[in-house]
């Protein structure tokens, strides 16, 4: 069997791997589960075609793939996969797959694609559903209003979601988790990130500085902060463009991925008086900030970068 685990939700992919590792015979598991990097493709394929040690099946995992790096040479190496032994489960892990690539087309013709994409932070309805589903899987009884609070507090951070649910389960073992307990134990860092986005949108410099410092003091990852800002500004940009082109409410809701129609009312208010040009330029500056952080720059540059967006907003207001 061949499976491709693709997406940016590393927590969900990790849980899928845990489930897959449980499939080989428990006595021989340590001998039959192997992990390779994409650069070790040849070694991974050799292991995949070898017989399992002892009884049962074997699991071969190839990590950090983008499939482009395999090239024509990799495609040649992969050709025998049509004869992969039934006792081997070969798994490729990637954050993204370009289905136009020859390698991708070939692997997809032989295997199964499972996509694990983080829920957009504004899709609170889907985040609530994910929290409720995960809690059920973890056999945690949690009140509906507690789920709603966690969705607002945690956002689309699935790694934190699992950790917070585990913490709540320890705090209230065997009993129903209430909103009061969730509020007492779980801080609202994602809510602050959305507040930061609103402060940027309104050009409030003091609030931007305060919220950034608050988030960093809570050990929130700089890239997570910027990712939330990018997602929110994308939504505002799409909404503003759709409103300007006089699209219907249904079209705007679809374009912005709104599961809750009431969100459209607030979106209209948020982008009222905000220029399309400002939203576009601000989003471009946020993308530049994301690239710098991914390149290893320190979090110290976040405040100056965001204050440049504030100044941009103020300049647009003066025009």
C-alpha atoms as a PDB file:
ATOM      1  CA  UNK A   1       0.000   0.000   0.000  1.00  0.00           C
ATOM      2  CA  UNK A   2       1.182   3.532  -0.793  1.00  0.00           C
ATOM      3  CA  UNK A   3      -0.127   6.594   1.045  1.00  0.00           C
ATOM      4  CA  UNK A   4       0.694  10.278   0.583  1.00  0.00           C
ATOM      5  CA  UNK A   5       0.147  12.419   3.691  1.00  0.00           C
ATOM      6  CA  UNK A   6       0.096  16.021   2.484  1.00  0.00           C
ATOM      7  CA  UNK A   7      -0.624  19.304   4.243  1.00  0.00           C
ATOM      8  CA  UNK A   8       0.491  21.898   6.783  1.00  0.00           C
ATOM      9  CA  UNK A   9      -1.350  20.368   9.738  1.00  0.00           C
ATOM     10  CA  UNK A  10       1.650  18.613  11.277  1.00  0.00           C
ATOM     11  CA  UNK A  11      -0.300  17.563  14.369  1.00  0.00           C
ATOM     12  CA  UNK A  12      -2.915  15.698  12.318  1.00  0.00           C
ATOM     13  CA  UNK A  13      -0.221  14.070  10.189  1.00  0.00           C
ATOM     14  CA  UNK A  14       1.579  13.048  13.373  1.00  0.00           C
ATOM     15  CA  UNK A  15      -1.584  11.398  14.721  1.00  0.00           C
ATOM     16  CA  UNK A  16      -2.023   9.550  11.415  1.00  0.00           C
ATOM     17  CA  UNK A  17       1.542   8.252  11.679  1.00  0.00           C
ATOM     18  CA  UNK A  18       0.945   7.040  15.227  1.00  0.00           C
ATOM     19  CA  UNK A  19      -2.032   5.034  13.959  1.00  0.00           C
ATOM     20  CA  UNK A  20       0.025   3.603  11.090  1.00  0.00           C
ATOM     21  CA  UNK A  21       2.867   2.599  13.423  1.00  0.00           C
ATOM     22  CA  UNK A  22       0.408   0.474  15.393  1.00  0.00           C
ATOM     23  CA  UNK A  23      -0.299  -1.740  12.369  1.00  0.00           C
ATOM     24  CA  UNK A  24       2.920  -3.831  12.245  1.00  0.00           C
ATOM     25  CA  UNK A  25       3.089  -6.813  14.610  1.00  0.00           C
ATOM     26  CA  UNK A  26       3.829  -5.413  18.122  1.00  0.00           C
ATOM     27  CA  UNK A  27       6.565  -7.960  18.817  1.00  0.00           C
ATOM     28  CA  UNK A  28       8.469  -7.038  15.638  1.00  0.00           C
ATOM     29  CA  UNK A  29       7.429  -3.366  15.362  1.00  0.00           C
ATOM     30  CA  UNK A  30      10.836  -1.879  16.243  1.00  0.00           C
ATOM     31  CA  UNK A  31      12.389  -3.868  13.411  1.00  0.00           C
ATOM     32  CA  UNK A  32       9.708  -3.068  10.834  1.00  0.00           C
ATOM     33  CA  UNK A  33       9.120   0.691  11.164  1.00  0.00           C
ATOM     34  CA  UNK A  34      11.700   2.830   9.336  1.00  0.00           C
ATOM     35  CA  UNK A  35      11.872   6.576   8.614  1.00  0.00           C
ATOM     36  CA  UNK A  36      13.917   8.169   5.833  1.00  0.00           C
ATOM     37  CA  UNK A  37      14.394  11.682   4.502  1.00  0.00           C
ATOM     38  CA  UNK A  38      13.486  12.451   0.896  1.00  0.00           C
ATOM     39  CA  UNK A  39      17.213  12.516   0.080  1.00  0.00           C
ATOM     40  CA  UNK A  40      17.385   8.844   1.115  1.00  0.00           C
ATOM     41  CA  UNK A  41      14.814   7.689  -1.431  1.00  0.00           C
ATOM     42  CA  UNK A  42      16.953   4.871  -2.770  1.00  0.00           C
ATOM     43  CA  UNK A  43      17.542   3.439   0.720  1.00  0.00           C
ATOM     44  CA  UNK A  44      13.853   3.834   1.555  1.00  0.00           C
ATOM     45  CA  UNK A  45      12.817   1.881  -1.534  1.00  0.00           C
ATOM     46  CA  UNK A  46      15.324  -0.881  -0.763  1.00  0.00           C
ATOM     47  CA  UNK A  47      13.801  -1.195   2.703  1.00  0.00           C
ATOM     48  CA  UNK A  48      10.288  -1.159   1.217  1.00  0.00           C
ATOM     49  CA  UNK A  49      11.020  -4.133  -1.042  1.00  0.00           C
ATOM     50  CA  UNK A  50      12.667  -6.216   1.677  1.00  0.00           C
ATOM     51  CA  UNK A  51      10.610  -8.763   3.610  1.00  0.00           C
ATOM     52  CA  UNK A  52       9.395  -7.876   7.115  1.00  0.00           C
ATOM     53  CA  UNK A  53      11.456  -9.076  10.044  1.00  0.00           C
ATOM     54  CA  UNK A  54       9.499 -11.783  11.832  1.00  0.00           C
ATOM     55  CA  UNK A  55       5.723 -11.693  11.406  1.00  0.00           C
ATOM     56  CA  UNK A  56       3.288  -9.112  10.075  1.00  0.00           C
ATOM     57  CA  UNK A  57       3.887  -6.052   7.905  1.00  0.00           C
ATOM     58  CA  UNK A  58       6.361  -3.190   7.748  1.00  0.00           C
ATOM     59  CA  UNK A  59       6.018   0.594   7.565  1.00  0.00           C
ATOM     60  CA  UNK A  60       8.403   2.770   5.537  1.00  0.00           C
ATOM     61  CA  UNK A  61       8.064   6.547   5.930  1.00  0.00           C
ATOM     62  CA  UNK A  62       9.721   9.065   3.582  1.00  0.00           C
ATOM     63  CA  UNK A  63       9.620  12.541   5.145  1.00  0.00           C
ATOM     64  CA  UNK A  64      10.024  16.151   3.968  1.00  0.00           C
ATOM     65  CA  UNK A  65       9.090  15.477   0.347  1.00  0.00           C
ATOM     66  CA  UNK A  66       8.241  18.182  -2.142  1.00  0.00           C
ATOM     67  CA  UNK A  67       8.423  15.612  -4.985  1.00  0.00           C
ATOM     68  CA  UNK A  68      10.230  18.101  -7.232  1.00  0.00           C
ATOM     69  CA  UNK A  69      13.546  16.976  -5.783  1.00  0.00           C
ATOM     70  CA  UNK A  70      12.970  13.414  -7.027  1.00  0.00           C
ATOM     71  CA  UNK A  71      13.196  14.536 -10.670  1.00  0.00           C
ATOM     72  CA  UNK A  72      13.595  12.089 -13.545  1.00  0.00           C
ATOM     73  CA  UNK A  73      16.070   9.995 -11.542  1.00  0.00           C
ATOM     74  CA  UNK A  74      13.592   9.627  -8.715  1.00  0.00           C
ATOM     75  CA  UNK A  75      10.841   8.773 -11.165  1.00  0.00           C
ATOM     76  CA  UNK A  76      12.969   5.923 -12.506  1.00  0.00           C
ATOM     77  CA  UNK A  77      13.648   4.673  -8.981  1.00  0.00           C
ATOM     78  CA  UNK A  78       9.915   4.696  -8.236  1.00  0.00           C
ATOM     79  CA  UNK A  79       8.900   2.638 -11.265  1.00  0.00           C
ATOM     80  CA  UNK A  80       9.029  -0.756  -9.434  1.00  0.00           C
ATOM     81  CA  UNK A  81       6.433   0.476  -6.912  1.00  0.00           C
ATOM     82  CA  UNK A  82       3.696  -1.153  -8.978  1.00  0.00           C
ATOM     83  CA  UNK A  83       5.149  -4.424  -7.634  1.00  0.00           C
ATOM     84  CA  UNK A  84       5.416  -3.260  -4.005  1.00  0.00           C
ATOM     85  CA  UNK A  85       5.005  -6.237  -1.628  1.00  0.00           C
ATOM     86  CA  UNK A  86       1.599  -6.468   0.049  1.00  0.00           C
ATOM     87  CA  UNK A  87       3.407  -6.628   3.403  1.00  0.00           C
ATOM     88  CA  UNK A  88       4.821  -3.096   2.984  1.00  0.00           C
ATOM     89  CA  UNK A  89       3.045   0.179   3.677  1.00  0.00           C
ATOM     90  CA  UNK A  90       5.042   3.003   2.042  1.00  0.00           C
ATOM     91  CA  UNK A  91       4.193   6.527   3.225  1.00  0.00           C
ATOM     92  CA  UNK A  92       5.347   9.841   1.729  1.00  0.00           C
ATOM     93  CA  UNK A  93       4.963  13.019   3.843  1.00  0.00           C
ATOM     94  CA  UNK A  94       4.864  16.496   2.263  1.00  0.00           C
ATOM     95  CA  UNK A  95       3.476  19.934   3.033  1.00  0.00           C
ATOM     96  CA  UNK A  96       2.388  20.383  -0.596  1.00  0.00           C
ATOM     97  CA  UNK A  97       2.058  18.319  -3.748  1.00  0.00           C
ATOM     98  CA  UNK A  98       1.990  19.666  -7.283  1.00  0.00           C
ATOM     99  CA  UNK A  99      -0.284  17.159  -9.013  1.00  0.00           C
ATOM    100  CA  UNK A 100       1.049  18.234 -12.422  1.00  0.00           C
ATOM    101  CA  UNK A 101       4.466  16.690 -11.729  1.00  0.00           C
ATOM    102  CA  UNK A 102       5.184  13.328 -13.374  1.00  0.00           C
ATOM    103  CA  UNK A 103       6.320  11.900 -10.038  1.00  0.00           C
ATOM    104  CA  UNK A 104       3.139  13.077  -8.341  1.00  0.00           C
ATOM    105  CA  UNK A 105       0.912  11.665 -11.085  1.00  0.00           C
ATOM    106  CA  UNK A 106       2.690   8.327 -10.882  1.00  0.00           C
ATOM    107  CA  UNK A 107       2.446   8.046  -7.089  1.00  0.00           C
ATOM    108  CA  UNK A 108      -1.196   9.132  -7.099  1.00  0.00           C
ATOM    109  CA  UNK A 109      -1.976   6.455  -9.687  1.00  0.00           C
ATOM    110  CA  UNK A 110      -0.656   3.811  -7.315  1.00  0.00           C
ATOM    111  CA  UNK A 111      -1.538   5.172  -3.886  1.00  0.00           C
ATOM    112  CA  UNK A 112      -3.994   7.083  -1.768  1.00  0.00           C
ATOM    113  CA  UNK A 113      -3.781  10.815  -1.026  1.00  0.00           C
ATOM    114  CA  UNK A 114      -4.730  12.068   2.448  1.00  0.00           C
ATOM    115  CA  UNK A 115      -4.723  15.836   2.857  1.00  0.00           C
ATOM    116  CA  UNK A 116      -4.336  17.535   6.238  1.00  0.00           C
ATOM    117  CA  UNK A 117      -4.747  21.273   5.791  1.00  0.00           C
ATOM    118  CA  UNK A 118      -5.074  23.644   8.719  1.00  0.00           C
ATOM    119  CA  UNK A 119      -8.546  25.129   9.032  1.00  0.00           C
ATOM    120  CA  UNK A 120      -8.580  28.859   8.138  1.00  0.00           C
ATOM    121  CA  UNK A 121      -8.560  30.784  11.453  1.00  0.00           C
ATOM    122  CA  UNK A 122     -11.799  32.610  10.573  1.00  0.00           C
ATOM    123  CA  UNK A 123     -13.728  29.330  10.113  1.00  0.00           C
ATOM    124  CA  UNK A 124     -14.704  29.143  13.768  1.00  0.00           C
ATOM    125  CA  UNK A 125     -17.492  26.683  12.943  1.00  0.00           C
ATOM    126  CA  UNK A 126     -15.016  24.168  11.507  1.00  0.00           C
ATOM    127  CA  UNK A 127     -12.586  24.726  14.382  1.00  0.00           C
ATOM    128  CA  UNK A 128     -15.361  24.017  16.883  1.00  0.00           C
ATOM    129  CA  UNK A 129     -16.240  20.834  15.004  1.00  0.00           C
ATOM    130  CA  UNK A 130     -12.582  19.736  15.009  1.00  0.00           C
ATOM    131  CA  UNK A 131     -12.266  20.358  18.757  1.00  0.00           C
ATOM    132  CA  UNK A 132     -15.470  18.436  19.490  1.00  0.00           C
ATOM    133  CA  UNK A 133     -14.363  15.531  17.278  1.00  0.00           C
ATOM    134  CA  UNK A 134     -10.884  15.402  18.811  1.00  0.00           C
ATOM    135  CA  UNK A 135     -12.313  15.541  22.331  1.00  0.00           C
ATOM    136  CA  UNK A 136     -14.614  12.631  21.491  1.00  0.00           C
ATOM    137  CA  UNK A 137     -11.690  10.632  20.105  1.00  0.00           C
ATOM    138  CA  UNK A 138      -9.777  11.334  23.320  1.00  0.00           C
ATOM    139  CA  UNK A 139     -12.869  10.274  25.326  1.00  0.00           C
ATOM    140  CA  UNK A 140     -13.197  13.725  26.872  1.00  0.00           C
ATOM    141  CA  UNK A 141     -16.659  14.988  27.801  1.00  0.00           C
ATOM    142  CA  UNK A 142     -16.786  18.729  27.159  1.00  0.00           C
ATOM    143  CA  UNK A 143     -19.645  21.253  27.237  1.00  0.00           C
ATOM    144  CA  UNK A 144     -20.659  22.998  23.991  1.00  0.00           C
ATOM    145  CA  UNK A 145     -19.902  26.491  25.347  1.00  0.00           C
ATOM    146  CA  UNK A 146     -16.481  25.253  26.460  1.00  0.00           C
ATOM    147  CA  UNK A 147     -15.831  24.080  22.887  1.00  0.00           C
ATOM    148  CA  UNK A 148     -16.815  27.536  21.578  1.00  0.00           C
ATOM    149  CA  UNK A 149     -14.434  29.206  24.027  1.00  0.00           C
ATOM    150  CA  UNK A 150     -11.571  26.889  23.050  1.00  0.00           C
ATOM    151  CA  UNK A 151     -12.186  27.588  19.353  1.00  0.00           C
ATOM    152  CA  UNK A 152     -11.815  31.326  19.969  1.00  0.00           C
ATOM    153  CA  UNK A 153      -8.835  30.860  22.298  1.00  0.00           C
ATOM    154  CA  UNK A 154      -6.857  28.281  20.320  1.00  0.00           C
ATOM    155  CA  UNK A 155      -7.830  28.996  16.729  1.00  0.00           C
ATOM    156  CA  UNK A 156      -6.542  26.566  14.101  1.00  0.00           C
ATOM    157  CA  UNK A 157      -3.456  25.486  16.081  1.00  0.00           C
ATOM    158  CA  UNK A 158      -4.120  21.731  16.197  1.00  0.00           C
ATOM    159  CA  UNK A 159      -0.957  20.995  18.184  1.00  0.00           C
ATOM    160  CA  UNK A 160      -2.083  23.339  20.937  1.00  0.00           C
ATOM    161  CA  UNK A 161      -5.636  22.003  20.697  1.00  0.00           C
ATOM    162  CA  UNK A 162      -4.509  18.496  21.656  1.00  0.00           C
ATOM    163  CA  UNK A 163      -2.264  19.782  24.455  1.00  0.00           C
ATOM    164  CA  UNK A 164      -5.015  21.947  25.945  1.00  0.00           C
ATOM    165  CA  UNK A 165      -7.547  19.112  25.802  1.00  0.00           C
ATOM    166  CA  UNK A 166      -5.067  16.809  27.531  1.00  0.00           C
ATOM    167  CA  UNK A 167      -4.528  19.445  30.212  1.00  0.00           C
ATOM    168  CA  UNK A 168      -8.268  19.859  30.761  1.00  0.00           C
ATOM    169  CA  UNK A 169      -8.715  16.075  30.955  1.00  0.00           C
ATOM    170  CA  UNK A 170      -6.087  15.891  33.712  1.00  0.00           C
ATOM    171  CA  UNK A 171      -7.715  18.774  35.571  1.00  0.00           C
ATOM    172  CA  UNK A 172     -11.194  17.220  35.455  1.00  0.00           C
ATOM    173  CA  UNK A 173     -10.731  13.448  35.014  1.00  0.00           C
ATOM    174  CA  UNK A 174     -13.951  11.569  34.286  1.00  0.00           C
ATOM    175  CA  UNK A 175     -16.184  14.648  34.566  1.00  0.00           C
ATOM    176  CA  UNK A 176     -17.704  17.066  32.057  1.00  0.00           C
ATOM    177  CA  UNK A 177     -15.414  20.004  31.275  1.00  0.00           C
ATOM    178  CA  UNK A 178     -17.195  23.330  31.692  1.00  0.00           C
ATOM    179  CA  UNK A 179     -16.570  26.712  30.102  1.00  0.00           C
ATOM    180  CA  UNK A 180     -15.434  28.077  33.475  1.00  0.00           C
ATOM    181  CA  UNK A 181     -12.728  25.411  33.686  1.00  0.00           C
ATOM    182  CA  UNK A 182     -11.650  26.030  30.086  1.00  0.00           C
ATOM    183  CA  UNK A 183     -11.472  29.791  30.687  1.00  0.00           C
ATOM    184  CA  UNK A 184      -9.392  29.324  33.835  1.00  0.00           C
ATOM    185  CA  UNK A 185      -6.841  27.020  32.219  1.00  0.00           C
ATOM    186  CA  UNK A 186      -6.603  28.112  28.574  1.00  0.00           C
ATOM    187  CA  UNK A 187      -5.328  31.549  27.537  1.00  0.00           C
ATOM    188  CA  UNK A 188      -6.740  33.320  24.490  1.00  0.00           C
ATOM    189  CA  UNK A 189      -3.637  33.883  22.364  1.00  0.00           C
ATOM    190  CA  UNK A 190      -5.368  33.482  18.993  1.00  0.00           C
ATOM    191  CA  UNK A 191      -8.074  35.921  19.992  1.00  0.00           C
ATOM    192  CA  UNK A 192      -5.264  38.410  20.692  1.00  0.00           C
ATOM    193  CA  UNK A 193      -3.806  37.707  17.254  1.00  0.00           C
ATOM    194  CA  UNK A 194      -7.146  38.620  15.677  1.00  0.00           C
ATOM    195  CA  UNK A 195      -7.282  41.715  17.880  1.00  0.00           C
ATOM    196  CA  UNK A 196      -3.826  42.571  16.551  1.00  0.00           C
ATOM    197  CA  UNK A 197      -5.174  42.283  13.004  1.00  0.00           C
ATOM    198  CA  UNK A 198      -7.990  44.696  13.860  1.00  0.00           C
ATOM    199  CA  UNK A 199      -5.519  47.122  15.448  1.00  0.00           C
ATOM    200  CA  UNK A 200      -3.502  47.057  12.218  1.00  0.00           C
ATOM    201  CA  UNK A 201      -6.629  47.563  10.137  1.00  0.00           C
ATOM    202  CA  UNK A 202      -7.553  50.634  12.199  1.00  0.00           C
ATOM    203  CA  UNK A 203      -3.988  51.996  12.391  1.00  0.00           C
ATOM    204  CA  UNK A 204      -3.751  51.930  16.197  1.00  0.00           C
ATOM    205  CA  UNK A 205       0.001  51.911  16.841  1.00  0.00           C
ATOM    206  CA  UNK A 206      -0.152  51.673  20.659  1.00  0.00           C
ATOM    207  CA  UNK A 207      -2.500  48.688  20.524  1.00  0.00           C
ATOM    208  CA  UNK A 208      -0.280  46.963  17.945  1.00  0.00           C
ATOM    209  CA  UNK A 209       2.806  47.290  20.168  1.00  0.00           C
ATOM    210  CA  UNK A 210       0.912  46.112  23.273  1.00  0.00           C
ATOM    211  CA  UNK A 211      -0.655  43.087  21.578  1.00  0.00           C
ATOM    212  CA  UNK A 212       2.586  41.964  19.916  1.00  0.00           C
ATOM    213  CA  UNK A 213       4.436  42.132  23.236  1.00  0.00           C
ATOM    214  CA  UNK A 214       1.602  40.257  24.948  1.00  0.00           C
ATOM    215  CA  UNK A 215       1.638  37.473  22.367  1.00  0.00           C
ATOM    216  CA  UNK A 216       5.410  37.086  22.490  1.00  0.00           C
ATOM    217  CA  UNK A 217       5.360  37.026  26.303  1.00  0.00           C
ATOM    218  CA  UNK A 218       2.901  34.121  26.086  1.00  0.00           C
ATOM    219  CA  UNK A 219       5.507  32.249  23.981  1.00  0.00           C
ATOM    220  CA  UNK A 220       3.371  32.493  20.840  1.00  0.00           C
ATOM    221  CA  UNK A 221       5.520  31.648  17.808  1.00  0.00           C
ATOM    222  CA  UNK A 222       6.173  34.732  15.619  1.00  0.00           C
ATOM    223  CA  UNK A 223       5.288  32.766  12.459  1.00  0.00           C
ATOM    224  CA  UNK A 224       1.943  31.768  14.000  1.00  0.00           C
ATOM    225  CA  UNK A 225       1.165  35.415  14.743  1.00  0.00           C
ATOM    226  CA  UNK A 226       2.010  36.454  11.189  1.00  0.00           C
ATOM    227  CA  UNK A 227       0.086  33.505   9.711  1.00  0.00           C
ATOM    228  CA  UNK A 228      -3.065  34.642  11.541  1.00  0.00           C
ATOM    229  CA  UNK A 229      -2.552  38.216  10.304  1.00  0.00           C
ATOM    230  CA  UNK A 230      -2.080  37.029   6.719  1.00  0.00           C
ATOM    231  CA  UNK A 231      -5.195  34.871   6.848  1.00  0.00           C
ATOM    232  CA  UNK A 232      -7.287  37.731   8.255  1.00  0.00           C
ATOM    233  CA  UNK A 233      -6.015  40.316   5.772  1.00  0.00           C
ATOM    234  CA  UNK A 234      -6.678  37.863   2.933  1.00  0.00           C
ATOM    235  CA  UNK A 235     -10.287  37.598   4.086  1.00  0.00           C
ATOM    236  CA  UNK A 236     -10.631  41.380   4.275  1.00  0.00           C
ATOM    237  CA  UNK A 237      -9.057  41.789   0.830  1.00  0.00           C
ATOM    238  CA  UNK A 238     -11.366  39.219  -0.759  1.00  0.00           C
ATOM    239  CA  UNK A 239     -14.400  40.696   0.994  1.00  0.00           C
ATOM    240  CA  UNK A 240     -13.536  44.264  -0.035  1.00  0.00           C
ATOM    241  CA  UNK A 241     -12.894  43.244  -3.649  1.00  0.00           C
ATOM    242  CA  UNK A 242     -16.147  41.295  -3.793  1.00  0.00           C
ATOM    243  CA  UNK A 243     -18.137  44.149  -2.248  1.00  0.00           C
ATOM    244  CA  UNK A 244     -16.594  46.649  -4.639  1.00  0.00           C
ATOM    245  CA  UNK A 245     -17.536  44.484  -7.625  1.00  0.00           C
ATOM    246  CA  UNK A 246     -21.102  44.266  -6.212  1.00  0.00           C
ATOM    247  CA  UNK A 247     -21.122  40.485  -5.756  1.00  0.00           C
ATOM    248  CA  UNK A 248     -24.090  38.879  -4.017  1.00  0.00           C
ATOM    249  CA  UNK A 249     -23.926  37.941  -0.339  1.00  0.00           C
ATOM    250  CA  UNK A 250     -23.867  34.258  -1.305  1.00  0.00           C
ATOM    251  CA  UNK A 251     -20.904  34.812  -3.644  1.00  0.00           C
ATOM    252  CA  UNK A 252     -19.007  36.800  -1.010  1.00  0.00           C
ATOM    253  CA  UNK A 253     -19.645  34.146   1.639  1.00  0.00           C
ATOM    254  CA  UNK A 254     -18.368  31.430  -0.720  1.00  0.00           C
ATOM    255  CA  UNK A 255     -15.321  33.462  -1.761  1.00  0.00           C
ATOM    256  CA  UNK A 256     -14.349  34.128   1.860  1.00  0.00           C
ATOM    257  CA  UNK A 257     -15.189  30.624   3.052  1.00  0.00           C
ATOM    258  CA  UNK A 258     -17.774  31.811   5.560  1.00  0.00           C
ATOM    259  CA  UNK A 259     -19.644  28.984   7.268  1.00  0.00           C
ATOM    260  CA  UNK A 260     -21.547  31.438   9.453  1.00  0.00           C
ATOM    261  CA  UNK A 261     -23.598  33.997   7.417  1.00  0.00           C
ATOM    262  CA  UNK A 262     -23.536  36.401  10.386  1.00  0.00           C
ATOM    263  CA  UNK A 263     -19.793  36.821   9.832  1.00  0.00           C
ATOM    264  CA  UNK A 264     -20.495  38.652   6.569  1.00  0.00           C
ATOM    265  CA  UNK A 265     -22.269  41.452   8.454  1.00  0.00           C
ATOM    266  CA  UNK A 266     -19.198  42.055  10.602  1.00  0.00           C
ATOM    267  CA  UNK A 267     -16.881  41.790   7.582  1.00  0.00           C
ATOM    268  CA  UNK A 268     -18.794  44.608   5.902  1.00  0.00           C
ATOM    269  CA  UNK A 269     -18.323  46.788   8.970  1.00  0.00           C
ATOM    270  CA  UNK A 270     -14.639  45.922   9.307  1.00  0.00           C
ATOM    271  CA  UNK A 271     -13.702  46.842   5.712  1.00  0.00           C
ATOM    272  CA  UNK A 272     -15.965  49.891   5.538  1.00  0.00           C
ATOM    273  CA  UNK A 273     -13.798  52.925   4.818  1.00  0.00           C
ATOM    274  CA  UNK A 274     -10.706  50.765   4.159  1.00  0.00           C
ATOM    275  CA  UNK A 275      -9.199  51.004   0.688  1.00  0.00           C
ATOM    276  CA  UNK A 276      -8.553  47.991  -1.489  1.00  0.00           C
ATOM    277  CA  UNK A 277      -5.085  49.338  -2.227  1.00  0.00           C
ATOM    278  CA  UNK A 278      -4.187  49.509   1.480  1.00  0.00           C
ATOM    279  CA  UNK A 279      -5.339  45.927   2.103  1.00  0.00           C
ATOM    280  CA  UNK A 280      -3.341  44.706  -0.886  1.00  0.00           C
ATOM    281  CA  UNK A 281      -0.172  46.569   0.163  1.00  0.00           C
ATOM    282  CA  UNK A 282      -0.519  45.525   3.813  1.00  0.00           C
ATOM    283  CA  UNK A 283      -0.910  41.877   2.794  1.00  0.00           C
ATOM    284  CA  UNK A 284       2.188  42.135   0.597  1.00  0.00           C
ATOM    285  CA  UNK A 285       4.160  43.546   3.563  1.00  0.00           C
ATOM    286  CA  UNK A 286       2.950  40.708   5.789  1.00  0.00           C
ATOM    287  CA  UNK A 287       4.119  38.160   3.214  1.00  0.00           C
ATOM    288  CA  UNK A 288       7.540  39.854   3.205  1.00  0.00           C
ATOM    289  CA  UNK A 289       7.625  39.639   7.012  1.00  0.00           C
ATOM    290  CA  UNK A 290       6.747  35.942   6.847  1.00  0.00           C
ATOM    291  CA  UNK A 291       9.607  35.296   4.407  1.00  0.00           C
ATOM    292  CA  UNK A 292      12.085  37.105   6.686  1.00  0.00           C
ATOM    293  CA  UNK A 293      10.989  35.082   9.717  1.00  0.00           C
ATOM    294  CA  UNK A 294      11.244  31.829   7.757  1.00  0.00           C
ATOM    295  CA  UNK A 295      14.739  32.885   6.719  1.00  0.00           C
ATOM    296  CA  UNK A 296      15.816  32.957  10.361  1.00  0.00           C
ATOM    297  CA  UNK A 297      15.312  36.595  11.274  1.00  0.00           C
ATOM    298  CA  UNK A 298      14.580  37.300  14.952  1.00  0.00           C
ATOM    299  CA  UNK A 299      11.142  38.186  16.286  1.00  0.00           C
ATOM    300  CA  UNK A 300      12.447  41.701  17.112  1.00  0.00           C
ATOM    301  CA  UNK A 301      11.580  42.804  13.591  1.00  0.00           C
ATOM    302  CA  UNK A 302       7.850  42.127  14.018  1.00  0.00           C
ATOM    303  CA  UNK A 303       6.984  45.404  15.768  1.00  0.00           C
ATOM    304  CA  UNK A 304       8.878  47.673  13.295  1.00  0.00           C
ATOM    305  CA  UNK A 305       7.370  45.777  10.357  1.00  0.00           C
ATOM    306  CA  UNK A 306       3.821  46.087  11.710  1.00  0.00           C
ATOM    307  CA  UNK A 307       4.312  49.755  12.555  1.00  0.00           C
ATOM    308  CA  UNK A 308       5.190  50.336   8.892  1.00  0.00           C
ATOM    309  CA  UNK A 309       1.775  48.893   8.052  1.00  0.00           C
ATOM    310  CA  UNK A 310       0.219  51.248  10.637  1.00  0.00           C
ATOM    311  CA  UNK A 311       1.958  54.209   8.997  1.00  0.00           C
ATOM    312  CA  UNK A 312       0.706  52.990   5.628  1.00  0.00           C
ATOM    313  CA  UNK A 313      -2.858  53.002   6.990  1.00  0.00           C
ATOM    314  CA  UNK A 314      -2.417  56.504   8.385  1.00  0.00           C
ATOM    315  CA  UNK A 315      -1.066  57.754   5.051  1.00  0.00           C
ATOM    316  CA  UNK A 316      -4.035  56.264   3.219  1.00  0.00           C
ATOM    317  CA  UNK A 317      -6.373  57.978   5.667  1.00  0.00           C
ATOM    318  CA  UNK A 318      -4.722  61.339   4.946  1.00  0.00           C
ATOM    319  CA  UNK A 319      -5.048  60.967   1.173  1.00  0.00           C
END
